[in-house]
PDB file of N, CA and C in Angstrom:
ATOM      1  N   MET A   1     230.783 141.194 126.183  1.00  0.00           N
ATOM      2  CA  MET A   1     230.306 142.106 125.148  1.00  0.00           C
ATOM      3  C   MET A   1     231.225 143.335 125.091  1.00  0.00           C
ATOM      4  N   ILE A   2     231.502 143.781 123.898  1.00  0.00           N
ATOM      5  CA  ILE A   2     232.375 144.937 123.691  1.00  0.00           C
ATOM      6  C   ILE A   2     231.573 146.224 123.915  1.00  0.00           C
ATOM      7  N   ASP A   3     232.158 147.121 124.713  1.00  0.00           N
ATOM      8  CA  ASP A   3     231.534 148.414 124.958  1.00  0.00           C
ATOM      9  C   ASP A   3     232.074 149.403 123.910  1.00  0.00           C
ATOM     10  N   TRP A   4     231.368 149.517 122.789  1.00  0.00           N
ATOM     11  CA  TRP A   4     231.817 150.340 121.661  1.00  0.00           C
ATOM     12  C   TRP A   4     231.918 151.814 122.018  1.00  0.00           C
ATOM     13  N   VAL A   5     231.063 152.282 122.910  1.00  0.00           N
ATOM     14  CA  VAL A   5     231.112 153.695 123.312  1.00  0.00           C
ATOM     15  C   VAL A   5     232.450 153.988 123.991  1.00  0.00           C
ATOM     16  N   THR A   6     232.882 153.110 124.885  1.00  0.00           N
ATOM     17  CA  THR A   6     234.160 153.288 125.567  1.00  0.00           C
ATOM     18  C   THR A   6     235.321 153.192 124.590  1.00  0.00           C
ATOM     19  N   ILE A   7     235.253 152.263 123.666  1.00  0.00           N
ATOM     20  CA  ILE A   7     236.320 152.116 122.668  1.00  0.00           C
ATOM     21  C   ILE A   7     236.420 153.369 121.806  1.00  0.00           C
ATOM     22  N   ILE A   8     235.304 153.874 121.353  1.00  0.00           N
ATOM     23  CA  ILE A   8     235.303 155.090 120.527  1.00  0.00           C
ATOM     24  C   ILE A   8     235.840 156.272 121.323  1.00  0.00           C
ATOM     25  N   GLY A   9     235.422 156.409 122.571  1.00  0.00           N
ATOM     26  CA  GLY A   9     235.922 157.491 123.428  1.00  0.00           C
ATOM     27  C   GLY A   9     237.409 157.385 123.677  1.00  0.00           C
ATOM     28  N   THR A  10     237.895 156.175 123.886  1.00  0.00           N
ATOM     29  CA  THR A  10     239.323 155.952 124.118  1.00  0.00           C
ATOM     30  C   THR A  10     240.135 156.290 122.879  1.00  0.00           C
ATOM     31  N   VAL A  11     239.666 155.876 121.722  1.00  0.00           N
ATOM     32  CA  VAL A  11     240.352 156.206 120.466  1.00  0.00           C
ATOM     33  C   VAL A  11     240.394 157.723 120.275  1.00  0.00           C
ATOM     34  N   GLY A  12     239.283 158.385 120.521  1.00  0.00           N
ATOM     35  CA  GLY A  12     239.233 159.842 120.394  1.00  0.00           C
ATOM     36  C   GLY A  12     240.175 160.538 121.362  1.00  0.00           C
ATOM     37  N   ALA A  13     240.197 160.074 122.610  1.00  0.00           N
ATOM     38  CA  ALA A  13     241.078 160.669 123.616  1.00  0.00           C
ATOM     39  C   ALA A  13     242.538 160.476 123.234  1.00  0.00           C
ATOM     40  N   CYS A  14     242.894 159.275 122.827  1.00  0.00           N
ATOM     41  CA  CYS A  14     244.288 159.002 122.426  1.00  0.00           C
ATOM     42  C   CYS A  14     244.688 159.827 121.209  1.00  0.00           C
ATOM     43  N   ALA A  15     243.790 159.937 120.245  1.00  0.00           N
ATOM     44  CA  ALA A  15     244.082 160.723 119.042  1.00  0.00           C
ATOM     45  C   ALA A  15     244.244 162.204 119.384  1.00  0.00           C
ATOM     46  N   SER A  16     243.411 162.719 120.273  1.00  0.00           N
ATOM     47  CA  SER A  16     243.520 164.127 120.674  1.00  0.00           C
ATOM     48  C   SER A  16     244.867 164.405 121.321  1.00  0.00           C
ATOM     49  N   VAL A  17     245.240 163.567 122.262  1.00  0.00           N
ATOM     50  CA  VAL A  17     246.521 163.753 122.950  1.00  0.00           C
ATOM     51  C   VAL A  17     247.678 163.604 121.963  1.00  0.00           C
ATOM     52  N   ALA A  18     247.634 162.570 121.156  1.00  0.00           N
ATOM     53  CA  ALA A  18     248.718 162.309 120.207  1.00  0.00           C
ATOM     54  C   ALA A  18     248.845 163.405 119.151  1.00  0.00           C
ATOM     55  N   SER A  19     247.757 164.071 118.836  1.00  0.00           N
ATOM     56  CA  SER A  19     247.802 165.080 117.776  1.00  0.00           C
ATOM     57  C   SER A  19     248.665 166.282 118.141  1.00  0.00           C
ATOM     58  N   PHE A  20     248.839 166.554 119.420  1.00  0.00           N
ATOM     59  CA  PHE A  20     249.641 167.704 119.832  1.00  0.00           C
ATOM     60  C   PHE A  20     251.121 167.366 119.961  1.00  0.00           C
ATOM     61  N   THR A  21     251.441 166.117 120.131  1.00  0.00           N
ATOM     62  CA  THR A  21     252.825 165.714 120.356  1.00  0.00           C
ATOM     63  C   THR A  21     253.751 166.116 119.203  1.00  0.00           C
ATOM     64  N   PRO A  22     253.405 165.837 117.946  1.00  0.00           N
ATOM     65  CA  PRO A  22     254.319 166.229 116.859  1.00  0.00           C
ATOM     66  C   PRO A  22     254.538 167.744 116.767  1.00  0.00           C
ATOM     67  N   GLN A  23     253.491 168.527 117.015  1.00  0.00           N
ATOM     68  CA  GLN A  23     253.635 169.983 116.921  1.00  0.00           C
ATOM     69  C   GLN A  23     254.534 170.502 118.043  1.00  0.00           C
ATOM     70  N   ALA A  24     254.312 170.011 119.251  1.00  0.00           N
ATOM     71  CA  ALA A  24     255.143 170.442 120.380  1.00  0.00           C
ATOM     72  C   ALA A  24     256.600 170.051 120.145  1.00  0.00           C
ATOM     73  N   TRP A  25     256.834 168.821 119.682  1.00  0.00           N
ATOM     74  CA  TRP A  25     258.201 168.378 119.441  1.00  0.00           C
ATOM     75  C   TRP A  25     258.863 169.180 118.322  1.00  0.00           C
ATOM     76  N   LYS A  26     258.101 169.508 117.291  1.00  0.00           N
ATOM     77  CA  LYS A  26     258.641 170.302 116.180  1.00  0.00           C
ATOM     78  C   LYS A  26     259.083 171.685 116.676  1.00  0.00           C
ATOM     79  N   ILE A  27     258.291 172.277 117.543  1.00  0.00           N
ATOM     80  CA  ILE A  27     258.649 173.586 118.111  1.00  0.00           C
ATOM     81  C   ILE A  27     259.945 173.471 118.902  1.00  0.00           C
ATOM     82  N   ILE A  28     260.042 172.437 119.719  1.00  0.00           N
ATOM     83  CA  ILE A  28     261.244 172.240 120.532  1.00  0.00           C
ATOM     84  C   ILE A  28     262.449 171.983 119.636  1.00  0.00           C
ATOM     85  N   HIS A  29     262.292 171.105 118.680  1.00  0.00           N
ATOM     86  CA  HIS A  29     263.407 170.712 117.810  1.00  0.00           C
ATOM     87  C   HIS A  29     263.867 171.857 116.911  1.00  0.00           C
ATOM     88  N   GLU A  30     262.929 172.574 116.320  1.00  0.00           N
ATOM     89  CA  GLU A  30     263.287 173.645 115.383  1.00  0.00           C
ATOM     90  C   GLU A  30     263.475 175.000 116.049  1.00  0.00           C
ATOM     91  N   ARG A  31     263.053 175.100 117.309  1.00  0.00           N
ATOM     92  CA  ARG A  31     263.137 176.373 118.049  1.00  0.00           C
ATOM     93  C   ARG A  31     262.373 177.486 117.342  1.00  0.00           C
ATOM     94  N   SER A  32     261.268 177.118 116.728  1.00  0.00           N
ATOM     95  CA  SER A  32     260.500 178.091 115.947  1.00  0.00           C
ATOM     96  C   SER A  32     259.005 177.799 116.032  1.00  0.00           C
ATOM     97  N   THR A  33     258.228 178.872 116.081  1.00  0.00           N
ATOM     98  CA  THR A  33     256.768 178.758 116.013  1.00  0.00           C
ATOM     99  C   THR A  33     256.233 179.515 114.799  1.00  0.00           C
ATOM    100  N   GLN A  34     257.121 179.782 113.874  1.00  0.00           N
ATOM    101  CA  GLN A  34     256.735 180.523 112.676  1.00  0.00           C
ATOM    102  C   GLN A  34     255.579 179.821 111.969  1.00  0.00           C
ATOM    103  N   GLY A  35     254.587 180.577 111.611  1.00  0.00           N
ATOM    104  CA  GLY A  35     253.433 180.043 110.897  1.00  0.00           C
ATOM    105  C   GLY A  35     252.304 179.558 111.791  1.00  0.00           C
ATOM    106  N   LEU A  36     252.520 179.553 113.110  1.00  0.00           N
ATOM    107  CA  LEU A  36     251.452 179.123 114.014  1.00  0.00           C
ATOM    108  C   LEU A  36     250.646 180.327 114.471  1.00  0.00           C
ATOM    109  N   SER A  37     249.371 180.118 114.644  1.00  0.00           N
ATOM    110  CA  SER A  37     248.459 181.193 115.002  1.00  0.00           C
ATOM    111  C   SER A  37     248.263 181.282 116.511  1.00  0.00           C
ATOM    112  N   LEU A  38     248.626 182.430 117.084  1.00  0.00           N
ATOM    113  CA  LEU A  38     248.410 182.682 118.503  1.00  0.00           C
ATOM    114  C   LEU A  38     246.920 182.597 118.839  1.00  0.00           C
ATOM    115  N   ALA A  39     246.083 183.195 118.003  1.00  0.00           N
ATOM    116  CA  ALA A  39     244.637 183.193 118.253  1.00  0.00           C
ATOM    117  C   ALA A  39     244.064 181.769 118.219  1.00  0.00           C
ATOM    118  N   MET A  40     244.518 180.965 117.281  1.00  0.00           N
ATOM    119  CA  MET A  40     243.998 179.601 117.179  1.00  0.00           C
ATOM    120  C   MET A  40     244.380 178.787 118.407  1.00  0.00           C
ATOM    121  N   PHE A  41     245.622 178.906 118.870  1.00  0.00           N
ATOM    122  CA  PHE A  41     246.020 178.137 120.046  1.00  0.00           C
ATOM    123  C   PHE A  41     245.391 178.695 121.318  1.00  0.00           C
ATOM    124  N   ALA A  42     245.107 179.986 121.372  1.00  0.00           N
ATOM    125  CA  ALA A  42     244.378 180.545 122.518  1.00  0.00           C
ATOM    126  C   ALA A  42     242.962 179.972 122.557  1.00  0.00           C
ATOM    127  N   LEU A  43     242.315 179.906 121.412  1.00  0.00           N
ATOM    128  CA  LEU A  43     240.970 179.343 121.342  1.00  0.00           C
ATOM    129  C   LEU A  43     240.984 177.846 121.654  1.00  0.00           C
ATOM    130  N   THR A  44     241.993 177.145 121.168  1.00  0.00           N
ATOM    131  CA  THR A  44     242.132 175.718 121.451  1.00  0.00           C
ATOM    132  C   THR A  44     242.322 175.490 122.951  1.00  0.00           C
ATOM    133  N   ALA A  45     243.165 176.294 123.590  1.00  0.00           N
ATOM    134  CA  ALA A  45     243.376 176.171 125.035  1.00  0.00           C
ATOM    135  C   ALA A  45     242.076 176.438 125.794  1.00  0.00           C
ATOM    136  N   LEU A  46     241.322 177.447 125.359  1.00  0.00           N
ATOM    137  CA  LEU A  46     240.027 177.733 125.986  1.00  0.00           C
ATOM    138  C   LEU A  46     239.081 176.549 125.844  1.00  0.00           C
ATOM    139  N   ALA A  47     239.046 175.952 124.670  1.00  0.00           N
ATOM    140  CA  ALA A  47     238.170 174.798 124.440  1.00  0.00           C
ATOM    141  C   ALA A  47     238.551 173.638 125.348  1.00  0.00           C
ATOM    142  N   PHE A  48     239.851 173.338 125.447  1.00  0.00           N
ATOM    143  CA  PHE A  48     240.274 172.232 126.307  1.00  0.00           C
ATOM    144  C   PHE A  48     240.034 172.545 127.783  1.00  0.00           C
ATOM    145  N   ALA A  49     240.189 173.805 128.175  1.00  0.00           N
ATOM    146  CA  ALA A  49     239.894 174.190 129.563  1.00  0.00           C
ATOM    147  C   ALA A  49     238.406 173.989 129.861  1.00  0.00           C
ATOM    148  N   ALA A  50     237.562 174.376 128.919  1.00  0.00           N
ATOM    149  CA  ALA A  50     236.119 174.211 129.105  1.00  0.00           C
ATOM    150  C   ALA A  50     235.735 172.732 129.165  1.00  0.00           C
ATOM    151  N   TRP A  51     236.294 171.908 128.282  1.00  0.00           N
ATOM    152  CA  TRP A  51     236.012 170.474 128.303  1.00  0.00           C
ATOM    153  C   TRP A  51     236.500 169.832 129.593  1.00  0.00           C
ATOM    154  N   THR A  52     237.669 170.261 130.068  1.00  0.00           N
ATOM    155  CA  THR A  52     238.201 169.736 131.325  1.00  0.00           C
ATOM    156  C   THR A  52     237.276 170.106 132.477  1.00  0.00           C
ATOM    157  N   ALA A  53     236.856 171.360 132.543  1.00  0.00           N
ATOM    158  CA  ALA A  53     235.939 171.800 133.603  1.00  0.00           C
ATOM    159  C   ALA A  53     234.606 171.063 133.503  1.00  0.00           C
ATOM    160  N   PHE A  54     234.085 170.922 132.306  1.00  0.00           N
ATOM    161  CA  PHE A  54     232.821 170.209 132.091  1.00  0.00           C
ATOM    162  C   PHE A  54     232.934 168.765 132.600  1.00  0.00           C
ATOM    163  N   GLY A  55     234.004 168.089 132.210  1.00  0.00           N
ATOM    164  CA  GLY A  55     234.210 166.710 132.656  1.00  0.00           C
ATOM    165  C   GLY A  55     234.338 166.614 134.160  1.00  0.00           C
ATOM    166  N   PHE A  56     235.054 167.560 134.758  1.00  0.00           N
ATOM    167  CA  PHE A  56     235.219 167.578 136.205  1.00  0.00           C
ATOM    168  C   PHE A  56     233.874 167.778 136.900  1.00  0.00           C
ATOM    169  N   LEU A  57     233.097 168.745 136.424  1.00  0.00           N
ATOM    170  CA  LEU A  57     231.792 169.029 137.034  1.00  0.00           C
ATOM    171  C   LEU A  57     230.816 167.867 136.872  1.00  0.00           C
ATOM    172  N   LYS A  58     230.950 167.132 135.794  1.00  0.00           N
ATOM    173  CA  LYS A  58     230.082 165.972 135.557  1.00  0.00           C
ATOM    174  C   LYS A  58     230.643 164.691 136.193  1.00  0.00           C
ATOM    175  N   GLY A  59     231.871 164.768 136.711  1.00  0.00           N
ATOM    176  CA  GLY A  59     232.494 163.590 137.286  1.00  0.00           C
ATOM    177  C   GLY A  59     232.909 162.567 136.245  1.00  0.00           C
ATOM    178  N   GLU A  60     233.162 163.034 135.036  1.00  0.00           N
ATOM    179  CA  GLU A  60     233.544 162.173 133.917  1.00  0.00           C
ATOM    180  C   GLU A  60     235.056 162.250 133.712  1.00  0.00           C
ATOM    181  N   TRP A  61     235.786 161.387 134.410  1.00  0.00           N
ATOM    182  CA  TRP A  61     237.240 161.429 134.338  1.00  0.00           C
ATOM    183  C   TRP A  61     237.769 161.059 132.960  1.00  0.00           C
ATOM    184  N   THR A  62     236.960 160.348 132.185  1.00  0.00           N
ATOM    185  CA  THR A  62     237.376 160.037 130.816  1.00  0.00           C
ATOM    186  C   THR A  62     237.391 161.286 129.943  1.00  0.00           C
ATOM    187  N   LEU A  63     236.696 162.327 130.357  1.00  0.00           N
ATOM    188  CA  LEU A  63     236.775 163.628 129.682  1.00  0.00           C
ATOM    189  C   LEU A  63     237.877 164.485 130.292  1.00  0.00           C
ATOM    190  N   VAL A  64     238.005 164.420 131.607  1.00  0.00           N
ATOM    191  CA  VAL A  64     238.956 165.283 132.310  1.00  0.00           C
ATOM    192  C   VAL A  64     240.394 164.977 131.911  1.00  0.00           C
ATOM    193  N   ILE A  65     240.781 163.730 131.985  1.00  0.00           N
ATOM    194  CA  ILE A  65     242.197 163.372 131.815  1.00  0.00           C
ATOM    195  C   ILE A  65     242.740 163.719 130.429  1.00  0.00           C
ATOM    196  N   PRO A  66     242.124 163.257 129.335  1.00  0.00           N
ATOM    197  CA  PRO A  66     242.718 163.609 128.034  1.00  0.00           C
ATOM    198  C   PRO A  66     242.622 165.100 127.721  1.00  0.00           C
ATOM    199  N   ASN A  67     241.536 165.742 128.138  1.00  0.00           N
ATOM    200  CA  ASN A  67     241.415 167.174 127.863  1.00  0.00           C
ATOM    201  C   ASN A  67     242.391 167.990 128.699  1.00  0.00           C
ATOM    202  N   ALA A  68     242.682 167.556 129.921  1.00  0.00           N
ATOM    203  CA  ALA A  68     243.684 168.243 130.734  1.00  0.00           C
ATOM    204  C   ALA A  68     245.070 168.091 130.114  1.00  0.00           C
ATOM    205  N   ILE A  69     245.376 166.901 129.597  1.00  0.00           N
ATOM    206  CA  ILE A  69     246.664 166.686 128.927  1.00  0.00           C
ATOM    207  C   ILE A  69     246.754 167.568 127.677  1.00  0.00           C
ATOM    208  N   CYS A  70     245.693 167.591 126.889  1.00  0.00           N
ATOM    209  CA  CYS A  70     245.677 168.435 125.682  1.00  0.00           C
ATOM    210  C   CYS A  70     245.778 169.911 126.054  1.00  0.00           C
ATOM    211  N   LEU A  71     245.155 170.306 127.156  1.00  0.00           N
ATOM    212  CA  LEU A  71     245.251 171.689 127.621  1.00  0.00           C
ATOM    213  C   LEU A  71     246.711 172.034 127.923  1.00  0.00           C
ATOM    214  N   CYS A  72     247.418 171.126 128.564  1.00  0.00           N
ATOM    215  CA  CYS A  72     248.843 171.374 128.850  1.00  0.00           C
ATOM    216  C   CYS A  72     249.643 171.557 127.561  1.00  0.00           C
ATOM    217  N   PHE A  73     249.411 170.690 126.588  1.00  0.00           N
ATOM    218  CA  PHE A  73     250.091 170.831 125.293  1.00  0.00           C
ATOM    219  C   PHE A  73     249.731 172.166 124.634  1.00  0.00           C
ATOM    220  N   ALA A  74     248.450 172.500 124.605  1.00  0.00           N
ATOM    221  CA  ALA A  74     248.009 173.745 123.962  1.00  0.00           C
ATOM    222  C   ALA A  74     248.604 174.965 124.665  1.00  0.00           C
ATOM    223  N   LEU A  75     248.654 174.936 126.002  1.00  0.00           N
ATOM    224  CA  LEU A  75     249.242 176.056 126.740  1.00  0.00           C
ATOM    225  C   LEU A  75     250.745 176.147 126.506  1.00  0.00           C
ATOM    226  N   PHE A  76     251.408 175.003 126.406  1.00  0.00           N
ATOM    227  CA  PHE A  76     252.843 175.018 126.095  1.00  0.00           C
ATOM    228  C   PHE A  76     253.076 175.668 124.730  1.00  0.00           C
ATOM    229  N   ILE A  77     252.319 175.225 123.731  1.00  0.00           N
ATOM    230  CA  ILE A  77     252.479 175.769 122.384  1.00  0.00           C
ATOM    231  C   ILE A  77     252.124 177.253 122.373  1.00  0.00           C
ATOM    232  N   LEU A  78     251.038 177.622 123.038  1.00  0.00           N
ATOM    233  CA  LEU A  78     250.637 179.032 123.128  1.00  0.00           C
ATOM    234  C   LEU A  78     251.740 179.861 123.771  1.00  0.00           C
ATOM    235  N   GLY A  79     252.304 179.339 124.857  1.00  0.00           N
ATOM    236  CA  GLY A  79     253.390 180.048 125.522  1.00  0.00           C
ATOM    237  C   GLY A  79     254.609 180.196 124.634  1.00  0.00           C
ATOM    238  N   MET A  80     254.941 179.145 123.909  1.00  0.00           N
ATOM    239  CA  MET A  80     256.092 179.213 123.009  1.00  0.00           C
ATOM    240  C   MET A  80     255.858 180.214 121.883  1.00  0.00           C
ATOM    241  N   ILE A  81     254.624 180.296 121.383  1.00  0.00           N
ATOM    242  CA  ILE A  81     254.316 181.287 120.342  1.00  0.00           C
ATOM    243  C   ILE A  81     254.514 182.694 120.894  1.00  0.00           C
ATOM    244  N   ALA A  82     254.104 182.914 122.137  1.00  0.00           N
ATOM    245  CA  ALA A  82     254.146 184.247 122.733  1.00  0.00           C
ATOM    246  C   ALA A  82     255.550 184.678 123.167  1.00  0.00           C
ATOM    247  N   LEU A  83     256.444 183.731 123.396  1.00  0.00           N
ATOM    248  CA  LEU A  83     257.790 184.074 123.873  1.00  0.00           C
ATOM    249  C   LEU A  83     258.640 184.733 122.795  1.00  0.00           C
ATOM    250  N   PRO A  84     259.506 185.651 123.202  1.00  0.00           N
ATOM    251  CA  PRO A  84     260.509 186.167 122.265  1.00  0.00           C
ATOM    252  C   PRO A  84     261.452 185.031 121.853  1.00  0.00           C
ATOM    253  N   GLN A  85     262.068 185.143 120.706  1.00  0.00           N
ATOM    254  CA  GLN A  85     262.890 184.060 120.147  1.00  0.00           C
ATOM    255  C   GLN A  85     263.977 183.592 121.102  1.00  0.00           C
ATOM    256  N   ARG A  86     264.665 184.504 121.772  1.00  0.00           N
ATOM    257  CA  ARG A  86     265.750 184.120 122.668  1.00  0.00           C
ATOM    258  C   ARG A  86     265.243 183.224 123.794  1.00  0.00           C
ATOM    259  N   GLU A  87     264.124 183.604 124.391  1.00  0.00           N
ATOM    260  CA  GLU A  87     263.550 182.809 125.478  1.00  0.00           C
ATOM    261  C   GLU A  87     262.974 181.490 124.966  1.00  0.00           C
ATOM    262  N   LYS A  88     262.431 181.513 123.769  1.00  0.00           N
ATOM    263  CA  LYS A  88     261.930 180.286 123.136  1.00  0.00           C
ATOM    264  C   LYS A  88     263.067 179.276 122.984  1.00  0.00           C
ATOM    265  N   GLU A  89     264.223 179.765 122.547  1.00  0.00           N
ATOM    266  CA  GLU A  89     265.383 178.898 122.383  1.00  0.00           C
ATOM    267  C   GLU A  89     265.873 178.369 123.725  1.00  0.00           C
ATOM    268  N   GLU A  90     265.803 179.183 124.778  1.00  0.00           N
ATOM    269  CA  GLU A  90     266.219 178.741 126.111  1.00  0.00           C
ATOM    270  C   GLU A  90     265.314 177.621 126.628  1.00  0.00           C
ATOM    271  N   VAL A  91     264.019 177.769 126.447  1.00  0.00           N
ATOM    272  CA  VAL A  91     263.076 176.729 126.879  1.00  0.00           C
ATOM    273  C   VAL A  91     263.327 175.445 126.097  1.00  0.00           C
ATOM    274  N   ALA A  92     263.443 175.573 124.788  1.00  0.00           N
ATOM    275  CA  ALA A  92     263.682 174.402 123.942  1.00  0.00           C
ATOM    276  C   ALA A  92     265.003 173.731 124.306  1.00  0.00           C
ATOM    277  N   GLN A  93     266.025 174.517 124.588  1.00  0.00           N
ATOM    278  CA  GLN A  93     267.334 173.970 124.970  1.00  0.00           C
ATOM    279  C   GLN A  93     267.239 173.218 126.295  1.00  0.00           C
ATOM    280  N   ALA A  94     266.440 173.722 127.223  1.00  0.00           N
ATOM    281  CA  ALA A  94     266.274 173.043 128.513  1.00  0.00           C
ATOM    282  C   ALA A  94     265.576 171.689 128.336  1.00  0.00           C
ATOM    283  N   ILE A  95     264.659 171.625 127.376  1.00  0.00           N
ATOM    284  CA  ILE A  95     263.916 170.383 127.139  1.00  0.00           C
ATOM    285  C   ILE A  95     264.714 169.414 126.268  1.00  0.00           C
ATOM    286  N   ASP A  96     265.380 169.957 125.239  1.00  0.00           N
ATOM    287  CA  ASP A  96     266.122 169.126 124.286  1.00  0.00           C
ATOM    288  C   ASP A  96     267.522 169.714 124.090  1.00  0.00           C
ATOM    289  N   PRO A  97     268.438 169.425 125.020  1.00  0.00           N
ATOM    290  CA  PRO A  97     269.772 170.012 124.930  1.00  0.00           C
ATOM    291  C   PRO A  97     270.639 169.449 123.811  1.00  0.00           C
ATOM    292  N   GLU A  98     270.199 168.396 123.143  1.00  0.00           N
ATOM    293  CA  GLU A  98     270.992 167.753 122.088  1.00  0.00           C
ATOM    294  C   GLU A  98     271.071 168.576 120.801  1.00  0.00           C
ATOM    295  N   LYS A  99     270.196 169.511 120.602  1.00  0.00           N
ATOM    296  CA  LYS A  99     270.150 170.283 119.346  1.00  0.00           C
ATOM    297  C   LYS A  99     271.327 171.200 119.258  1.00  0.00           C
TER     298      LYS A  99
END
């Protein structure tokens, strides 16, 4: 029998993680965070931190793992927004030296 709850949770977790990948890569590739909201990514990071803690406290690793990964992406993007342009370019260059 198919466990639809697990399938739905897995799809949601994969979509959450995948949703941050294009934004993070765009920041690295373009060396720019112009148009991104510091407040929105701070709130997003807080939400993922809370979900990660909630999952950990409940012993629900299916909540912990994807939310922890999303938290890392959100913190990376938040950090890149907060960095001065020169340092932003240095971080991006270290990650993607081909540009």
